[in-house]
Structure formats: structure tokens, C-alpha cells
Amino acid sequence: SILFIHGGPHTAYGHTYFIEFQYFFSNGYNILFCNPPGSTGYGQEYEKACIGDWGGKDLQYIEKFVKECRIRYGLTGKIGVTGGSYGGYMTNWIVTQTNEFACAISERSISNLFSMIGTSDIGFWFNTLELDLKDPYSMEGMQKLMEFSPINYVKKVKTPTMLITGEEDYRCPIEQAEQFYVALKLNNVDASLVRYPGDNHEHARSGVPKNMLDRLKRKTEWFDRYLKKEN
């Protein structure tokens, strides 16, 4: 089984065709997905629920969702996790908080909310608003940014993790994946960094065609390695 986490965070999965769900289902995987607190479509209060609390109530919701899926559908096998953008942040966050998942694939992700402020094209205001900060460069602001950054807890990671990024991604710059990858390798975690020349933040949706094909191949190999074969 594979758990998918959407980006945003203020977006949502809905009743619509999503090629990646269909692709991995056709390759023998159960597809798990949900809309945790912070998602759109359930009212403003629900959408605001992750403000100042990234990786808090949303992670609790996701963990309960996975547990419920195991019970309701009798899932006894290994589960992998993947997501892009905010979903990539959550994937990075999850592997620092739990060993529940057999492997992870984090795409166009965020690992350091502090360095993101100075490098992302979304501007300083995004992290300031999302974490409910008054001044991101105050001591309190910098501490909170690091408190909510996966890189801050990288010593806890045991989960094999693949990081995928476009070299021209200016929303979640490549340095986000690079620093998390280096930290994982330094801590003897099985990790892989896949970087695509010519691709930006939309690499999974409207990227260079040969890169998009290569991406699906690499994701399938990573999931097959850790979810289908005995380790």
C-alpha cells in the first residue's frame, strides 16, 4: 500500500481522475489518501487548522487514518508514503516522527523552513503566515521555524527515503532536498537524491516528458524494493 499526501497545504484530493493513483494501482498497490486538517473543502476553520501547527494535527489525523485503513480493509502488509510540495514536507516530517512506514518518496519538498524563507520564490510571507509568526528573523521566529523543520530531527530517521526535485524548482528550491539528503546519508539512512535538469515545481505534472517517465520508473523501483520484497 502507498499513502499519498497532497500539497498546498490548502488543497484537497477529490473525486477526479489522478493518473498516479491509477498507475500505482495497476502496479499492484492499494492507494491510501485523505484530506487532513488544513485541506480545503470543509470550511474555513478546518482549512486554518494547520496554521502555526504544521506536522501537528495533520500528522495525528494521517496516523489515525492509516490505522483505520489497516483495520477496515485488513491491510497487513508494508505501507510506503509519498507526497509533493507540502506533501513532500509532510513526508520528510513523518520519517522524523515515526518508523511506521517501510519507505518514503519525498518530492519537491521542504526540509528547512528557515532557509526556505531566503530562497523560495513564494517569499518570506508564506512561512510567516503559515507558522503564525510576527517576525521570522526574530530569535523567537527563527526558533519556531527550526522547531517545525524536518532537518531539526533528522537524527531520528530510519526510513529509507528517496528525494525527487527539479533543478529549476524555485518554490521548494533544490537546496531543501540536498540538505536533507546529505543529513540522511551522514546518519547512515538508505537515501537517494533524484534531480531533473530543466524541471521546475511542476515536474510531476507538466515536466520534461523523458523525466516524467524516468520519475515513475524510479518511484516504482523504490516502492517495489521496500514494499514487495522481503528485506
Protein backbone atom coordinates (compact mmCIF):
# COMPACT_ATOMS: atom_id res chain seq x y z
CA SER A 1 0.00 0.00 0.00
CA ILE A 2 1.06 3.60 -0.66
CA LEU A 3 -0.12 6.65 1.29
CA PHE A 4 -0.27 9.83 -0.79
CA ILE A 5 -0.24 13.27 0.86
CA HIS A 6 -1.39 16.28 -1.15
CA GLY A 7 0.39 19.62 -1.42
CA GLY A 8 -0.78 23.10 -0.51
CA PRO A 9 -1.35 22.59 2.33
CA HIS A 10 -4.62 24.29 1.39
CA THR A 11 -5.72 21.98 -1.41
CA ALA A 12 -7.60 18.67 -1.38
CA TYR A 13 -7.99 15.32 -3.05
CA GLY A 14 -11.40 14.86 -4.65
CA HIS A 15 -13.46 12.56 -6.83
CA THR A 16 -11.46 13.00 -10.01
CA TYR A 17 -9.06 11.07 -12.20
CA PHE A 18 -5.48 11.14 -10.92
CA ILE A 19 -3.09 9.28 -13.18
CA GLU A 20 -0.55 8.46 -10.46
CA PHE A 21 -3.18 6.69 -8.34
CA GLN A 22 -4.22 4.65 -11.38
CA TYR A 23 -0.62 3.93 -12.33
CA PHE A 24 0.43 2.55 -8.95
CA PHE A 25 -2.86 0.69 -8.53
CA SER A 26 -2.18 -1.04 -11.84
CA ASN A 27 1.24 -1.96 -10.47
CA GLY A 28 -0.31 -3.85 -7.58
CA TYR A 29 -0.62 -1.23 -4.83
CA ASN A 30 -3.50 -0.18 -2.62
CA ILE A 31 -3.82 3.61 -2.73
CA LEU A 32 -4.48 5.50 0.52
CA PHE A 33 -5.27 9.22 0.54
CA CYS A 34 -7.09 11.65 2.79
CA ASN A 35 -7.65 15.35 3.45
CA PRO A 36 -6.12 16.17 6.84
CA PRO A 37 -6.68 19.43 8.76
CA GLY A 38 -5.51 22.31 6.57
CA SER A 39 -7.23 20.94 3.46
CA THR A 40 -9.83 22.89 1.53
CA GLY A 41 -13.47 21.92 1.07
CA TYR A 42 -14.51 21.51 4.71
CA GLY A 43 -14.92 25.10 5.79
CA GLN A 44 -12.56 27.87 6.78
CA GLU A 45 -11.89 26.63 10.31
CA TYR A 46 -10.76 23.25 9.02
CA GLU A 47 -8.58 24.91 6.39
CA LYS A 48 -6.95 27.11 9.06
CA ALA A 49 -6.34 24.16 11.40
CA CYS A 50 -2.71 23.64 10.37
CA ILE A 51 -1.71 27.30 10.69
CA GLY A 52 1.07 27.51 13.25
CA ASP A 53 0.91 23.74 13.62
CA TRP A 54 2.44 22.08 10.55
CA GLY A 55 3.01 18.41 11.31
CA GLY A 56 0.73 18.57 14.37
CA LYS A 57 -2.99 17.88 13.97
CA ASP A 58 -2.45 16.93 10.34
CA LEU A 59 0.03 14.18 11.28
CA GLN A 60 -2.28 12.93 14.04
CA TYR A 61 -5.12 12.75 11.51
CA ILE A 62 -2.96 10.89 8.98
CA GLU A 63 -1.78 8.38 11.58
CA LYS A 64 -5.38 7.68 12.67
CA PHE A 65 -6.42 7.39 9.03
CA VAL A 66 -3.73 4.79 8.27
CA LYS A 67 -4.66 2.83 11.40
CA GLU A 68 -8.32 2.88 10.41
CA CYS A 69 -7.45 1.71 6.87
CA ARG A 70 -5.46 -1.21 8.28
CA ILE A 71 -8.45 -2.28 10.37
CA ARG A 72 -11.25 -1.58 7.90
CA TYR A 73 -9.57 -3.12 4.84
CA GLY A 74 -7.47 -5.76 6.59
CA LEU A 75 -4.17 -4.31 5.43
CA THR A 76 -1.35 -6.36 6.91
CA GLY A 77 1.50 -5.52 4.53
CA LYS A 78 4.05 -2.75 4.45
CA ILE A 79 3.00 0.81 3.66
CA GLY A 80 5.04 3.47 1.87
CA VAL A 81 4.44 7.22 1.96
CA THR A 82 4.86 9.88 -0.71
CA GLY A 83 3.85 13.46 -1.41
CA GLY A 84 4.93 16.62 -3.16
CA SER A 85 5.44 20.21 -2.02
CA TYR A 86 3.62 20.40 1.34
CA GLY A 87 3.12 16.67 0.85
CA GLY A 88 6.90 16.46 0.50
CA TYR A 89 7.29 18.42 3.70
CA MET A 90 4.91 16.03 5.45
CA THR A 91 6.78 13.02 4.06
CA ASN A 92 10.05 14.44 5.41
CA TRP A 93 8.33 15.25 8.71
CA ILE A 94 6.76 11.80 9.02
CA VAL A 95 10.07 9.94 8.70
CA THR A 96 11.48 12.08 11.52
CA GLN A 97 8.50 11.35 13.78
CA THR A 98 7.66 7.68 13.20
CA ASN A 99 9.04 4.43 11.78
CA GLU A 100 5.55 3.33 10.75
CA PHE A 101 6.32 3.42 7.03
CA ALA A 102 8.61 0.97 5.24
CA CYS A 103 9.89 3.61 2.82
CA ALA A 104 9.25 7.17 1.67
CA ILE A 105 9.47 9.21 -1.52
CA SER A 106 9.54 12.96 -0.93
CA GLU A 107 9.08 15.26 -3.93
CA ARG A 108 9.76 18.99 -4.40
CA SER A 109 9.93 19.03 -0.64
CA ILE A 110 10.72 21.29 2.29
CA SER A 111 13.17 20.22 4.99
CA ASN A 112 14.29 23.57 6.43
CA LEU A 113 11.65 26.28 6.84
CA PHE A 114 14.27 28.84 7.85
CA SER A 115 16.47 28.54 4.76
CA MET A 116 13.33 28.37 2.60
CA ILE A 117 12.50 31.96 3.54
CA GLY A 118 15.66 33.25 1.90
CA THR A 119 15.47 31.08 -1.22
CA SER A 120 11.87 30.36 -2.24
CA ASP A 121 10.09 32.44 -4.88
CA ILE A 122 6.96 32.37 -2.72
CA GLY A 123 8.59 34.96 -0.47
CA PHE A 124 9.11 35.29 3.26
CA TRP A 125 5.43 35.93 3.89
CA PHE A 126 4.31 32.34 3.20
CA ASN A 127 6.22 30.74 6.06
CA THR A 128 5.45 33.77 8.25
CA LEU A 129 1.70 33.35 7.77
CA GLU A 130 1.66 29.55 7.78
CA LEU A 131 3.54 29.31 11.08
CA ASP A 132 1.74 32.34 12.54
CA LEU A 133 4.92 34.36 13.10
CA LYS A 134 5.26 38.07 13.69
CA ASP A 135 8.88 38.31 12.62
CA PRO A 136 10.62 35.26 11.06
CA TYR A 137 14.04 36.77 11.76
CA SER A 138 13.46 37.41 15.44
CA MET A 139 15.03 34.88 17.80
CA GLU A 140 11.57 33.51 18.58
CA GLY A 141 10.68 33.35 14.89
CA MET A 142 13.88 31.56 13.89
CA GLN A 143 13.47 29.06 16.71
CA LYS A 144 9.90 28.28 15.67
CA LEU A 145 10.92 27.85 12.03
CA MET A 146 13.52 25.31 13.07
CA GLU A 147 11.16 23.64 15.54
CA PHE A 148 8.85 22.83 12.62
CA SER A 149 11.65 21.83 10.22
CA PRO A 150 12.24 18.12 9.50
CA ILE A 151 16.00 18.74 9.28
CA ASN A 152 15.93 19.52 13.00
CA TYR A 153 15.01 15.90 13.77
CA VAL A 154 16.99 14.09 11.08
CA LYS A 155 18.90 12.07 13.70
CA LYS A 156 15.67 10.13 14.36
CA VAL A 157 15.21 8.93 10.77
CA LYS A 158 15.47 5.21 10.00
CA THR A 159 13.13 5.06 6.99
CA PRO A 160 14.68 4.59 3.50
CA THR A 161 13.91 7.86 1.74
CA MET A 162 14.10 8.99 -1.89
CA LEU A 163 14.06 12.73 -2.61
CA ILE A 164 12.96 13.91 -6.07
CA THR A 165 13.34 17.50 -7.23
CA GLY A 166 13.59 19.66 -10.33
CA GLU A 167 16.79 21.66 -10.62
CA GLU A 168 14.74 24.74 -11.60
CA ASP A 169 12.22 24.45 -8.76
CA TYR A 170 12.12 27.93 -7.24
CA ARG A 171 9.12 27.26 -4.99
CA CYS A 172 10.76 24.49 -2.94
CA PRO A 173 14.35 25.03 -4.06
CA ILE A 174 16.65 22.10 -4.66
CA GLU A 175 18.73 23.04 -1.61
CA GLN A 176 15.84 21.75 0.50
CA ALA A 177 16.24 18.23 -0.87
CA GLU A 178 20.03 18.44 -0.96
CA GLN A 179 20.49 19.28 2.70
CA PHE A 180 18.04 16.60 3.85
CA TYR A 181 19.71 14.02 1.60
CA VAL A 182 23.19 14.83 2.92
CA ALA A 183 21.92 14.66 6.51
CA LEU A 184 20.31 11.27 5.86
CA LYS A 185 23.47 9.87 4.30
CA LEU A 186 25.62 11.15 7.16
CA ASN A 187 23.31 9.26 9.51
CA ASN A 188 23.53 6.01 7.52
CA VAL A 189 19.97 6.09 6.24
CA ASP A 190 19.38 4.48 2.86
CA ALA A 191 18.66 7.58 0.78
CA SER A 192 18.57 8.60 -2.86
CA LEU A 193 18.52 12.07 -4.44
CA VAL A 194 16.99 12.33 -7.91
CA ARG A 195 17.37 15.71 -9.61
CA TYR A 196 15.93 16.59 -13.00
CA PRO A 197 17.57 19.24 -15.21
CA GLY A 198 15.06 21.52 -16.92
CA ASP A 199 12.24 20.80 -14.48
CA ASN A 200 10.55 23.15 -12.03
CA HIS A 201 7.97 22.79 -9.24
CA GLU A 202 5.54 21.23 -11.75
CA HIS A 203 7.93 18.38 -12.62
CA ALA A 204 5.38 15.68 -11.77
CA ARG A 205 2.51 17.29 -13.69
CA SER A 206 3.98 19.07 -16.70
CA GLY A 207 7.67 18.25 -16.67
CA VAL A 208 10.08 17.22 -19.40
CA PRO A 209 8.45 14.04 -20.83
CA LYS A 210 11.52 11.80 -20.56
CA ASN A 211 12.00 12.99 -16.98
CA MET A 212 8.38 12.22 -16.13
CA LEU A 213 8.77 8.67 -17.44
CA ASP A 214 12.05 8.23 -15.59
CA ARG A 215 10.44 9.52 -12.40
CA LEU A 216 7.66 6.94 -12.45
CA LYS A 217 10.21 4.20 -13.16
CA ARG A 218 12.38 5.24 -10.21
CA LYS A 219 9.42 5.60 -7.86
CA THR A 220 8.16 2.14 -8.84
CA GLU A 221 11.58 0.58 -8.29
CA TRP A 222 11.91 2.21 -4.85
CA PHE A 223 8.46 1.11 -3.73
CA ASP A 224 8.92 -2.40 -5.16
CA ARG A 225 12.26 -2.72 -3.37
CA TYR A 226 10.87 -1.93 0.07
CA LEU A 227 7.20 -2.88 -0.12
CA LYS A 228 7.08 -6.00 -2.29
CA LYS A 229 10.32 -7.76 -1.41
CA GLU A 230 11.38 -9.16 1.92
CA ASN A 231 14.26 -7.21 3.45
